Amino acid sequence: MEDLETKPPASAPTGSGAAHEPLRPPGSGDTWTGLSSLPLPVQMASDWVVDPGCGAVVVFTGTARDHSSGRDGVTRLEYEAYESQVVPRLEEIAARARSRWPGLARIVLLHRIGEVPLTEAAVVVAVSSPHRGEAFEAARFGIDTLKATVPIWKREDWSEGSSWGLEAQHIVDVDDI
């Protein structure tokens, strides 16, 4: 994979095509991935991931907050993505989760781009599994791997300035996790 650095290269496409459409569950299959500039359908994802063969559903929602490490007074968050890379990498994360936890039923990996107002969802990861242990582990794997492998960058505006992140983030392959 190409090395993707802290901020998307000038040639990285953002904000085009399907990313401006509302995210909807797939018509078939057990994996729902997507990228959108519109508010994420958190409740729809939570409802969709439920499966009659599963006693465990874990939904992680990452929301925009008013601070981060060393940055009080965050007023604005904005996400940019190398869009053509996002969904294939989300699909790869879901496939890897299924190979690690074969009992997983449904998986949701959704991320928002553009401005995300405080308290709104920036990312949703949800899984269903027959047992809670696998569901918790798979959801944690999903968000941690998404953050490390998917080319999405966050800009924060806060009371003392703005930045695309606290330190360089180098995107790695899912195989490197």
Protein backbone atom coordinates (compact mmCIF):
# COMPACT_ATOMS: atom_id res chain seq x y z
CA MET A 1 0.00 0.00 0.00
CA GLU A 2 1.07 3.54 -0.57
CA ASP A 3 2.27 5.56 2.42
CA LEU A 4 -0.46 8.02 3.38
CA GLU A 5 0.67 10.75 5.73
CA THR A 6 -0.86 13.11 8.28
CA LYS A 7 -2.99 15.12 5.84
CA PRO A 8 -4.41 13.86 2.56
CA PRO A 9 -2.27 14.60 -0.47
CA ALA A 10 -3.61 17.33 -2.77
CA SER A 11 -4.58 14.64 -5.28
CA ALA A 12 -6.65 12.67 -2.77
CA PRO A 13 -10.32 12.98 -3.69
CA THR A 14 -12.72 14.07 -0.97
CA GLY A 15 -16.39 14.91 -0.85
CA SER A 16 -17.54 13.37 -4.12
CA GLY A 17 -20.03 10.81 -5.31
CA ALA A 18 -21.75 8.44 -2.91
CA ALA A 19 -20.26 10.15 0.15
CA HIS A 20 -23.00 12.78 -0.23
CA GLU A 21 -25.80 10.20 -0.20
CA PRO A 22 -27.51 8.98 3.00
CA LEU A 23 -26.07 5.68 4.17
CA ARG A 24 -28.49 2.76 4.01
CA PRO A 25 -28.04 -0.91 4.97
CA PRO A 26 -27.12 -3.23 2.12
CA GLY A 27 -29.90 -5.09 0.35
CA SER A 28 -28.10 -8.37 1.01
CA GLY A 29 -25.10 -9.60 2.93
CA ASP A 30 -23.98 -9.17 6.50
CA THR A 31 -21.49 -6.32 6.16
CA TRP A 32 -22.43 -2.64 5.95
CA THR A 33 -19.63 -0.19 5.26
CA GLY A 34 -19.78 3.41 4.16
CA LEU A 35 -18.51 6.95 4.12
CA SER A 36 -20.81 9.96 4.19
CA SER A 37 -20.78 13.71 4.58
CA LEU A 38 -24.26 13.45 6.07
CA PRO A 39 -25.10 12.53 9.68
CA LEU A 40 -24.47 8.85 10.35
CA PRO A 41 -27.53 6.60 10.84
CA VAL A 42 -26.50 5.39 14.31
CA GLN A 43 -29.90 4.00 15.33
CA MET A 44 -30.38 2.34 11.94
CA ALA A 45 -26.96 0.68 12.27
CA SER A 46 -27.78 -0.46 15.80
CA ASP A 47 -31.06 -1.97 14.63
CA TRP A 48 -29.61 -3.54 11.46
CA VAL A 49 -26.77 -5.36 13.22
CA VAL A 50 -29.19 -7.40 15.38
CA ASP A 51 -29.39 -11.04 14.30
CA PRO A 52 -31.70 -13.74 15.70
CA GLY A 53 -28.79 -16.16 16.14
CA CYS A 54 -26.84 -13.69 18.25
CA GLY A 55 -27.15 -12.86 21.91
CA ALA A 56 -24.61 -10.05 21.79
CA VAL A 57 -24.60 -6.73 19.97
CA VAL A 58 -21.88 -4.16 20.57
CA VAL A 59 -22.22 -0.69 19.06
CA PHE A 60 -19.40 1.82 19.36
CA THR A 61 -20.15 5.41 18.38
CA GLY A 62 -17.31 7.92 18.31
CA THR A 63 -18.69 11.42 18.77
CA ALA A 64 -17.17 14.85 18.26
CA ARG A 65 -16.20 16.32 21.63
CA ASP A 66 -15.18 19.77 22.87
CA HIS A 67 -11.60 18.85 23.84
CA SER A 68 -8.69 16.55 23.10
CA SER A 69 -5.32 15.98 24.70
CA GLY A 70 -3.82 19.41 25.34
CA ARG A 71 -6.60 21.15 23.44
CA ASP A 72 -9.38 22.73 25.44
CA GLY A 73 -12.21 24.55 23.77
CA VAL A 74 -12.47 22.49 20.57
CA THR A 75 -15.19 24.18 18.54
CA ARG A 76 -15.03 22.36 15.23
CA LEU A 77 -14.00 19.01 13.79
CA GLU A 78 -13.63 18.23 10.13
CA TYR A 79 -12.71 14.95 8.47
CA GLU A 80 -11.19 14.40 5.04
CA ALA A 81 -10.65 11.06 3.37
CA TYR A 82 -8.94 9.44 0.45
CA GLU A 83 -12.40 8.25 -0.59
CA SER A 84 -11.48 5.62 -3.16
CA GLN A 85 -9.44 3.83 -0.47
CA VAL A 86 -11.95 3.98 2.40
CA VAL A 87 -14.64 1.41 1.60
CA PRO A 88 -12.18 -1.25 0.34
CA ARG A 89 -10.22 -0.88 3.57
CA LEU A 90 -13.40 -1.04 5.67
CA GLU A 91 -14.36 -4.24 3.80
CA GLU A 92 -10.90 -5.65 4.52
CA ILE A 93 -11.30 -4.91 8.24
CA ALA A 94 -14.67 -6.69 8.26
CA ALA A 95 -13.18 -9.71 6.46
CA ARG A 96 -10.29 -9.87 8.92
CA ALA A 97 -12.70 -9.66 11.87
CA ARG A 98 -14.71 -12.54 10.43
CA SER A 99 -11.57 -14.66 10.07
CA ARG A 100 -10.61 -13.96 13.71
CA TRP A 101 -14.12 -14.43 15.10
CA PRO A 102 -15.96 -16.81 12.73
CA GLY A 103 -19.18 -16.57 14.72
CA LEU A 104 -19.76 -12.90 13.88
CA ALA A 105 -23.07 -12.33 12.14
CA ARG A 106 -23.33 -8.69 11.07
CA ILE A 107 -20.70 -5.97 10.96
CA VAL A 108 -21.12 -2.22 10.48
CA LEU A 109 -18.22 0.18 9.79
CA LEU A 110 -19.33 3.74 8.93
CA HIS A 111 -17.39 7.02 8.98
CA ARG A 112 -18.36 10.61 8.39
CA ILE A 113 -16.42 13.22 6.42
CA GLY A 114 -16.73 16.98 6.30
CA GLU A 115 -17.62 19.06 9.32
CA VAL A 116 -18.95 17.08 12.28
CA PRO A 117 -20.68 19.26 14.88
CA LEU A 118 -19.93 18.62 18.55
CA THR A 119 -21.87 15.65 19.98
CA GLU A 120 -22.61 14.15 16.53
CA ALA A 121 -21.26 10.76 15.44
CA ALA A 122 -18.04 10.67 13.44
CA VAL A 123 -17.75 6.87 13.35
CA VAL A 124 -19.93 3.84 14.04
CA VAL A 125 -18.66 0.30 14.52
CA ALA A 126 -21.20 -2.41 15.36
CA VAL A 127 -21.04 -6.18 15.49
CA SER A 128 -23.34 -9.04 16.42
CA SER A 129 -22.16 -12.37 17.73
CA PRO A 130 -23.60 -15.34 19.59
CA HIS A 131 -21.50 -14.39 22.65
CA ARG A 132 -20.46 -11.10 24.26
CA GLY A 133 -16.72 -11.79 24.44
CA GLU A 134 -16.35 -12.07 20.67
CA ALA A 135 -18.64 -9.08 20.13
CA PHE A 136 -16.60 -6.83 22.43
CA GLU A 137 -13.28 -8.02 20.99
CA ALA A 138 -14.44 -7.65 17.38
CA ALA A 139 -15.87 -4.16 17.96
CA ARG A 140 -12.60 -3.05 19.61
CA PHE A 141 -10.62 -4.56 16.74
CA GLY A 142 -12.92 -2.76 14.27
CA ILE A 143 -12.44 0.74 15.68
CA ASP A 144 -8.73 0.34 16.46
CA THR A 145 -7.97 -1.10 13.02
CA LEU A 146 -10.12 1.53 11.27
CA LYS A 147 -8.17 4.31 13.02
CA ALA A 148 -4.81 2.76 12.03
CA THR A 149 -5.51 1.63 8.47
CA VAL A 150 -8.17 3.81 6.85
CA PRO A 151 -6.98 7.08 5.24
CA ILE A 152 -9.23 9.53 7.09
CA TRP A 153 -7.77 12.69 8.65
CA LYS A 154 -9.23 14.90 11.37
CA ARG A 155 -8.81 18.66 11.67
CA GLU A 156 -9.59 20.32 14.99
CA ASP A 157 -10.23 24.00 15.61
CA TRP A 158 -9.85 24.99 19.25
CA SER A 159 -9.48 28.10 21.35
CA GLU A 160 -5.75 28.43 20.60
CA GLY A 161 -5.54 27.34 16.95
CA SER A 162 -6.24 24.56 14.51
CA SER A 163 -4.42 21.46 13.32
CA TRP A 164 -4.80 18.24 11.36
CA GLY A 165 -3.76 16.22 14.42
CA LEU A 166 -1.41 16.08 17.37
CA GLU A 167 1.25 14.05 15.60
CA ALA A 168 1.88 12.36 12.29
CA GLN A 169 -0.41 9.45 11.57
CA HIS A 170 0.98 6.91 9.17
CA ILE A 171 -1.62 4.62 7.66
CA VAL A 172 -0.67 0.96 7.76
CA ASP A 173 -2.05 -2.18 6.09
CA VAL A 174 -4.54 -4.32 7.94
CA ASP A 175 -1.94 -7.13 7.72
CA ASP A 176 0.36 -5.01 9.90
CA ILE A 177 -2.14 -4.89 12.78
